[in-house]
Amino acid sequence: MYLKNNLACKFTFILFISVLTVSCVTETVATSPAMKFSDTAVVSVQDPGISIAAGSTFAWLPEAVRFYEDKRLKNAPVKSLIENEIVKNLKVKQMNIVESANGARYAIAYTAALESALDDTAIIRRFGLLPGNSQVPKNDNNVEKGSLIIYVFNNKTDDIIWRSAAQVSVKFDTAEELRKERVERVIAEMFQTFPVVE
């Protein structure tokens, strides 16, 4: 009888320790419902070892500019906003803007489109890079993913030496001032990787 009680006590003790050990290892991690991801995704690529000297000359390459109009934006001045911000950021990087691409060391152009005009597959095929913004809601008719790709050409070699792509959720009913601020912020973020040397 003593042996049976002793075995029962040992079994109970081992079971108790096992349960205690398992409960010590198990951990529950609660994620914050307030966790948010940015609704802007940016990626940039440049040729290795390439840098652009401060004071270099830049001009638009009009034949490479692609802006896909969309009636849902109700004639918002998005094209001029983009172009003004690109020029502003080039000047911040101490670049000189000239009128003709023939007289410039570098040329700059961009493509801007909503997903319905230029989807991710076409972007990766044409430009070789994709920010991959997945934060855009799919069931809201007032919002669509928009992409902006900026590229810089070396006029002597015709090589694209730097390109940056951004994807954002475009809200069609955004107030003009808010849209302007957003375009400013996104393009400034894209130019953070611009390969300038002073």
C-alpha atoms as a PDB file:
ATOM      1  CA  MET A   1       0.000   0.000   0.000  1.00  0.00           C
ATOM      2  CA  TYR A   2       2.844   2.351   0.870  1.00  0.00           C
ATOM      3  CA  LEU A   3       4.401   1.688  -2.552  1.00  0.00           C
ATOM      4  CA  LYS A   4       1.162   2.523  -4.364  1.00  0.00           C
ATOM      5  CA  ASN A   5       0.756   5.754  -2.381  1.00  0.00           C
ATOM      6  CA  ASN A   6       4.386   6.660  -3.028  1.00  0.00           C
ATOM      7  CA  LEU A   7       3.954   6.103  -6.789  1.00  0.00           C
ATOM      8  CA  ALA A   8       0.722   8.118  -6.774  1.00  0.00           C
ATOM      9  CA  CYS A   9       2.482  10.971  -4.967  1.00  0.00           C
ATOM     10  CA  LYS A  10       5.396  10.902  -7.440  1.00  0.00           C
ATOM     11  CA  PHE A  11       2.997  10.833 -10.416  1.00  0.00           C
ATOM     12  CA  THR A  12       0.998  13.728  -8.976  1.00  0.00           C
ATOM     13  CA  PHE A  13       4.199  15.686  -8.303  1.00  0.00           C
ATOM     14  CA  ILE A  14       5.523  15.100 -11.852  1.00  0.00           C
ATOM     15  CA  LEU A  15       2.153  16.049 -13.360  1.00  0.00           C
ATOM     16  CA  PHE A  16       2.074  19.243 -11.248  1.00  0.00           C
ATOM     17  CA  ILE A  17       5.631  20.213 -12.322  1.00  0.00           C
ATOM     18  CA  SER A  18       4.816  19.514 -16.000  1.00  0.00           C
ATOM     19  CA  VAL A  19       1.722  21.709 -15.890  1.00  0.00           C
ATOM     20  CA  LEU A  20       3.657  24.437 -14.116  1.00  0.00           C
ATOM     21  CA  THR A  21       6.483  24.275 -16.682  1.00  0.00           C
ATOM     22  CA  VAL A  22       4.131  24.429 -19.648  1.00  0.00           C
ATOM     23  CA  SER A  23       2.268  27.362 -18.199  1.00  0.00           C
ATOM     24  CA  CYS A  24       5.574  29.187 -17.660  1.00  0.00           C
ATOM     25  CA  VAL A  25       6.610  28.740 -21.290  1.00  0.00           C
ATOM     26  CA  THR A  26       3.278  29.732 -22.826  1.00  0.00           C
ATOM     27  CA  GLU A  27       3.089  33.446 -23.521  1.00  0.00           C
ATOM     28  CA  THR A  28       0.336  35.529 -25.041  1.00  0.00           C
ATOM     29  CA  VAL A  29       1.350  38.694 -26.863  1.00  0.00           C
ATOM     30  CA  ALA A  30      -1.407  41.202 -27.475  1.00  0.00           C
ATOM     31  CA  THR A  31      -1.004  43.406 -30.536  1.00  0.00           C
ATOM     32  CA  SER A  32      -2.091  46.968 -30.262  1.00  0.00           C
ATOM     33  CA  PRO A  33      -5.250  47.777 -32.229  1.00  0.00           C
ATOM     34  CA  ALA A  34      -3.752  51.246 -32.754  1.00  0.00           C
ATOM     35  CA  MET A  35      -0.805  49.870 -34.771  1.00  0.00           C
ATOM     36  CA  LYS A  36      -0.787  51.614 -38.151  1.00  0.00           C
ATOM     37  CA  PHE A  37       1.303  51.255 -41.269  1.00  0.00           C
ATOM     38  CA  SER A  38       2.174  54.162 -43.535  1.00  0.00           C
ATOM     39  CA  ASP A  39      -0.112  54.593 -46.518  1.00  0.00           C
ATOM     40  CA  THR A  40       2.941  55.637 -48.568  1.00  0.00           C
ATOM     41  CA  ALA A  41       5.480  53.143 -49.871  1.00  0.00           C
ATOM     42  CA  VAL A  42       8.695  54.353 -51.545  1.00  0.00           C
ATOM     43  CA  VAL A  43      11.539  52.450 -53.175  1.00  0.00           C
ATOM     44  CA  SER A  44      14.572  53.830 -55.043  1.00  0.00           C
ATOM     45  CA  VAL A  45      17.324  52.341 -57.202  1.00  0.00           C
ATOM     46  CA  GLN A  46      20.521  53.850 -58.546  1.00  0.00           C
ATOM     47  CA  ASP A  47      23.538  52.642 -60.472  1.00  0.00           C
ATOM     48  CA  PRO A  48      26.314  51.591 -58.059  1.00  0.00           C
ATOM     49  CA  GLY A  49      28.951  54.247 -57.624  1.00  0.00           C
ATOM     50  CA  ILE A  50      26.898  56.934 -59.368  1.00  0.00           C
ATOM     51  CA  SER A  51      26.713  60.327 -57.772  1.00  0.00           C
ATOM     52  CA  ILE A  52      25.486  63.616 -59.169  1.00  0.00           C
ATOM     53  CA  ALA A  53      27.577  66.675 -58.384  1.00  0.00           C
ATOM     54  CA  ALA A  54      25.878  69.668 -56.831  1.00  0.00           C
ATOM     55  CA  GLY A  55      25.435  72.355 -59.482  1.00  0.00           C
ATOM     56  CA  SER A  56      24.777  69.863 -62.298  1.00  0.00           C
ATOM     57  CA  THR A  57      22.348  70.933 -65.003  1.00  0.00           C
ATOM     58  CA  PHE A  58      18.932  69.279 -65.357  1.00  0.00           C
ATOM     59  CA  ALA A  59      16.141  69.625 -67.891  1.00  0.00           C
ATOM     60  CA  TRP A  60      12.798  67.966 -68.447  1.00  0.00           C
ATOM     61  CA  LEU A  61      12.658  65.182 -71.004  1.00  0.00           C
ATOM     62  CA  PRO A  62       9.091  65.825 -72.210  1.00  0.00           C
ATOM     63  CA  GLU A  63       8.833  62.726 -74.407  1.00  0.00           C
ATOM     64  CA  ALA A  64       9.440  60.526 -71.348  1.00  0.00           C
ATOM     65  CA  VAL A  65       6.826  62.225 -69.124  1.00  0.00           C
ATOM     66  CA  ARG A  66       3.645  60.154 -68.735  1.00  0.00           C
ATOM     67  CA  PHE A  67       0.712  61.551 -66.774  1.00  0.00           C
ATOM     68  CA  TYR A  68      -2.469  59.492 -66.926  1.00  0.00           C
ATOM     69  CA  GLU A  69      -5.472  61.798 -66.447  1.00  0.00           C
ATOM     70  CA  ASP A  70      -8.505  60.570 -64.500  1.00  0.00           C
ATOM     71  CA  LYS A  71     -11.898  62.323 -64.486  1.00  0.00           C
ATOM     72  CA  ARG A  72     -12.500  61.309 -60.869  1.00  0.00           C
ATOM     73  CA  LEU A  73      -9.828  63.804 -59.788  1.00  0.00           C
ATOM     74  CA  LYS A  74     -12.119  66.573 -61.110  1.00  0.00           C
ATOM     75  CA  ASN A  75      -9.396  68.566 -62.873  1.00  0.00           C
ATOM     76  CA  ALA A  76      -7.241  68.797 -59.734  1.00  0.00           C
ATOM     77  CA  PRO A  77      -3.851  70.295 -60.690  1.00  0.00           C
ATOM     78  CA  VAL A  78      -1.955  67.088 -59.844  1.00  0.00           C
ATOM     79  CA  LYS A  79       0.346  67.246 -62.880  1.00  0.00           C
ATOM     80  CA  SER A  80       1.550  70.766 -62.103  1.00  0.00           C
ATOM     81  CA  LEU A  81       1.883  69.876 -58.401  1.00  0.00           C
ATOM     82  CA  ILE A  82       4.140  66.929 -59.244  1.00  0.00           C
ATOM     83  CA  GLU A  83       6.286  68.929 -61.665  1.00  0.00           C
ATOM     84  CA  ASN A  84       6.643  71.909 -59.302  1.00  0.00           C
ATOM     85  CA  GLU A  85       7.696  69.618 -56.442  1.00  0.00           C
ATOM     86  CA  ILE A  86      10.227  67.761 -58.594  1.00  0.00           C
ATOM     87  CA  VAL A  87      11.819  71.075 -59.618  1.00  0.00           C
ATOM     88  CA  LYS A  88      11.729  72.315 -56.013  1.00  0.00           C
ATOM     89  CA  ASN A  89      13.489  69.163 -54.763  1.00  0.00           C
ATOM     90  CA  LEU A  90      16.115  69.377 -57.495  1.00  0.00           C
ATOM     91  CA  LYS A  91      16.851  72.937 -56.391  1.00  0.00           C
ATOM     92  CA  VAL A  92      17.054  71.818 -52.748  1.00  0.00           C
ATOM     93  CA  LYS A  93      19.681  69.298 -53.926  1.00  0.00           C
ATOM     94  CA  GLN A  94      21.517  72.273 -55.529  1.00  0.00           C
ATOM     95  CA  MET A  95      20.814  71.310 -59.129  1.00  0.00           C
ATOM     96  CA  ASN A  96      20.501  73.925 -61.886  1.00  0.00           C
ATOM     97  CA  ILE A  97      17.376  73.720 -64.038  1.00  0.00           C
ATOM     98  CA  VAL A  98      17.798  74.629 -67.721  1.00  0.00           C
ATOM     99  CA  GLU A  99      15.248  74.823 -70.534  1.00  0.00           C
ATOM    100  CA  SER A 100      16.585  72.298 -73.035  1.00  0.00           C
ATOM    101  CA  ALA A 101      17.697  68.723 -72.471  1.00  0.00           C
ATOM    102  CA  ASN A 102      20.365  69.336 -75.151  1.00  0.00           C
ATOM    103  CA  GLY A 103      22.106  71.807 -72.858  1.00  0.00           C
ATOM    104  CA  ALA A 104      21.763  69.722 -69.700  1.00  0.00           C
ATOM    105  CA  ARG A 105      23.978  67.036 -68.278  1.00  0.00           C
ATOM    106  CA  TYR A 106      20.950  65.153 -66.928  1.00  0.00           C
ATOM    107  CA  ALA A 107      17.324  64.820 -67.943  1.00  0.00           C
ATOM    108  CA  ILE A 108      14.424  64.046 -65.645  1.00  0.00           C
ATOM    109  CA  ALA A 109      10.976  62.592 -66.318  1.00  0.00           C
ATOM    110  CA  TYR A 110       8.190  60.804 -64.471  1.00  0.00           C
ATOM    111  CA  THR A 111       5.161  58.573 -64.832  1.00  0.00           C
ATOM    112  CA  ALA A 112       2.063  59.133 -62.685  1.00  0.00           C
ATOM    113  CA  ALA A 113      -1.027  56.943 -62.865  1.00  0.00           C
ATOM    114  CA  LEU A 114      -3.808  55.326 -60.908  1.00  0.00           C
ATOM    115  CA  GLU A 115      -3.869  51.540 -60.678  1.00  0.00           C
ATOM    116  CA  SER A 116      -6.748  51.326 -63.183  1.00  0.00           C
ATOM    117  CA  ALA A 117      -4.455  52.883 -65.831  1.00  0.00           C
ATOM    118  CA  LEU A 118      -1.134  51.305 -64.781  1.00  0.00           C
ATOM    119  CA  ASP A 119      -1.188  48.269 -62.523  1.00  0.00           C
ATOM    120  CA  ASP A 120       1.638  46.743 -60.482  1.00  0.00           C
ATOM    121  CA  THR A 121       2.478  44.155 -63.142  1.00  0.00           C
ATOM    122  CA  ALA A 122       2.976  46.864 -65.773  1.00  0.00           C
ATOM    123  CA  ILE A 123       5.065  48.958 -63.358  1.00  0.00           C
ATOM    124  CA  ILE A 124       7.445  46.120 -62.525  1.00  0.00           C
ATOM    125  CA  ARG A 125       7.726  45.209 -66.225  1.00  0.00           C
ATOM    126  CA  ARG A 126       8.413  48.794 -67.407  1.00  0.00           C
ATOM    127  CA  PHE A 127      10.440  50.214 -64.543  1.00  0.00           C
ATOM    128  CA  GLY A 128      11.895  47.210 -62.749  1.00  0.00           C
ATOM    129  CA  LEU A 129      10.854  48.328 -59.272  1.00  0.00           C
ATOM    130  CA  LEU A 130       7.694  48.315 -57.225  1.00  0.00           C
ATOM    131  CA  PRO A 131       6.983  49.867 -53.807  1.00  0.00           C
ATOM    132  CA  GLY A 132       4.245  47.293 -53.163  1.00  0.00           C
ATOM    133  CA  ASN A 133       1.780  49.394 -51.178  1.00  0.00           C
ATOM    134  CA  SER A 134      -0.894  47.006 -49.889  1.00  0.00           C
ATOM    135  CA  GLN A 135      -2.588  49.447 -47.501  1.00  0.00           C
ATOM    136  CA  VAL A 136      -5.093  50.775 -50.059  1.00  0.00           C
ATOM    137  CA  PRO A 137      -8.656  49.597 -49.336  1.00  0.00           C
ATOM    138  CA  LYS A 138     -10.200  47.585 -52.158  1.00  0.00           C
ATOM    139  CA  ASN A 139     -13.881  48.205 -51.389  1.00  0.00           C
ATOM    140  CA  ASP A 140     -13.963  52.013 -51.369  1.00  0.00           C
ATOM    141  CA  ASN A 141     -14.924  53.724 -54.648  1.00  0.00           C
ATOM    142  CA  ASN A 142     -13.473  57.009 -53.374  1.00  0.00           C
ATOM    143  CA  VAL A 143      -9.929  55.579 -53.079  1.00  0.00           C
ATOM    144  CA  GLU A 144      -7.534  54.002 -55.567  1.00  0.00           C
ATOM    145  CA  LYS A 145      -3.849  53.198 -55.482  1.00  0.00           C
ATOM    146  CA  GLY A 146      -1.722  55.754 -57.301  1.00  0.00           C
ATOM    147  CA  SER A 147       1.886  55.346 -58.438  1.00  0.00           C
ATOM    148  CA  LEU A 148       4.546  57.930 -59.189  1.00  0.00           C
ATOM    149  CA  ILE A 149       7.873  56.940 -60.734  1.00  0.00           C
ATOM    150  CA  ILE A 150      10.610  59.561 -61.191  1.00  0.00           C
ATOM    151  CA  TYR A 151      13.694  58.763 -63.290  1.00  0.00           C
ATOM    152  CA  VAL A 152      16.927  60.571 -64.123  1.00  0.00           C
ATOM    153  CA  PHE A 153      18.847  60.023 -67.370  1.00  0.00           C
ATOM    154  CA  ASN A 154      22.499  60.721 -68.085  1.00  0.00           C
ATOM    155  CA  ASN A 155      22.239  62.689 -71.335  1.00  0.00           C
ATOM    156  CA  LYS A 156      25.613  61.456 -72.631  1.00  0.00           C
ATOM    157  CA  THR A 157      24.879  57.758 -72.214  1.00  0.00           C
ATOM    158  CA  ASP A 158      21.035  57.752 -72.181  1.00  0.00           C
ATOM    159  CA  ASP A 159      21.248  55.462 -69.136  1.00  0.00           C
ATOM    160  CA  ILE A 160      18.716  55.791 -66.326  1.00  0.00           C
ATOM    161  CA  ILE A 161      21.003  56.389 -63.354  1.00  0.00           C
ATOM    162  CA  TRP A 162      18.401  56.897 -60.591  1.00  0.00           C
ATOM    163  CA  ARG A 163      14.738  56.081 -60.245  1.00  0.00           C
ATOM    164  CA  SER A 164      12.318  56.234 -57.392  1.00  0.00           C
ATOM    165  CA  ALA A 165       8.781  54.919 -57.151  1.00  0.00           C
ATOM    166  CA  ALA A 166       6.067  55.773 -54.648  1.00  0.00           C
ATOM    167  CA  GLN A 167       2.611  54.322 -54.143  1.00  0.00           C
ATOM    168  CA  VAL A 168      -0.131  56.030 -52.160  1.00  0.00           C
ATOM    169  CA  SER A 169      -3.847  55.799 -51.670  1.00  0.00           C
ATOM    170  CA  VAL A 170      -5.439  58.546 -53.761  1.00  0.00           C
ATOM    171  CA  LYS A 171      -8.691  59.900 -52.324  1.00  0.00           C
ATOM    172  CA  PHE A 172     -10.715  61.572 -55.027  1.00  0.00           C
ATOM    173  CA  ASP A 173     -12.478  63.987 -52.673  1.00  0.00           C
ATOM    174  CA  THR A 174      -9.318  65.286 -50.957  1.00  0.00           C
ATOM    175  CA  ALA A 175      -9.254  69.043 -50.387  1.00  0.00           C
ATOM    176  CA  GLU A 176      -6.801  70.910 -52.628  1.00  0.00           C
ATOM    177  CA  GLU A 177      -4.546  72.124 -49.796  1.00  0.00           C
ATOM    178  CA  LEU A 178      -4.323  68.644 -48.268  1.00  0.00           C
ATOM    179  CA  ARG A 179      -3.545  67.131 -51.681  1.00  0.00           C
ATOM    180  CA  LYS A 180      -0.757  69.688 -52.172  1.00  0.00           C
ATOM    181  CA  GLU A 181       0.760  68.871 -48.765  1.00  0.00           C
ATOM    182  CA  ARG A 182       0.615  65.166 -49.533  1.00  0.00           C
ATOM    183  CA  VAL A 183       2.318  65.529 -52.927  1.00  0.00           C
ATOM    184  CA  GLU A 184       5.027  67.661 -51.285  1.00  0.00           C
ATOM    185  CA  ARG A 185       5.630  65.052 -48.581  1.00  0.00           C
ATOM    186  CA  VAL A 186       5.733  62.062 -50.953  1.00  0.00           C
ATOM    187  CA  ILE A 187       8.128  63.667 -53.454  1.00  0.00           C
ATOM    188  CA  ALA A 188      10.409  64.921 -50.667  1.00  0.00           C
ATOM    189  CA  GLU A 189      10.550  61.345 -49.368  1.00  0.00           C
ATOM    190  CA  MET A 190      11.403  60.054 -52.847  1.00  0.00           C
ATOM    191  CA  PHE A 191      14.262  62.555 -53.175  1.00  0.00           C
ATOM    192  CA  GLN A 192      15.855  61.453 -49.902  1.00  0.00           C
ATOM    193  CA  THR A 193      17.816  58.843 -51.883  1.00  0.00           C
ATOM    194  CA  PHE A 194      18.790  61.211 -54.709  1.00  0.00           C
ATOM    195  CA  PRO A 195      22.555  60.553 -55.140  1.00  0.00           C
ATOM    196  CA  VAL A 196      23.945  64.094 -54.841  1.00  0.00           C
ATOM    197  CA  VAL A 197      27.479  64.943 -53.711  1.00  0.00           C
ATOM    198  CA  GLU A 198      28.621  68.420 -52.772  1.00  0.00           C
END
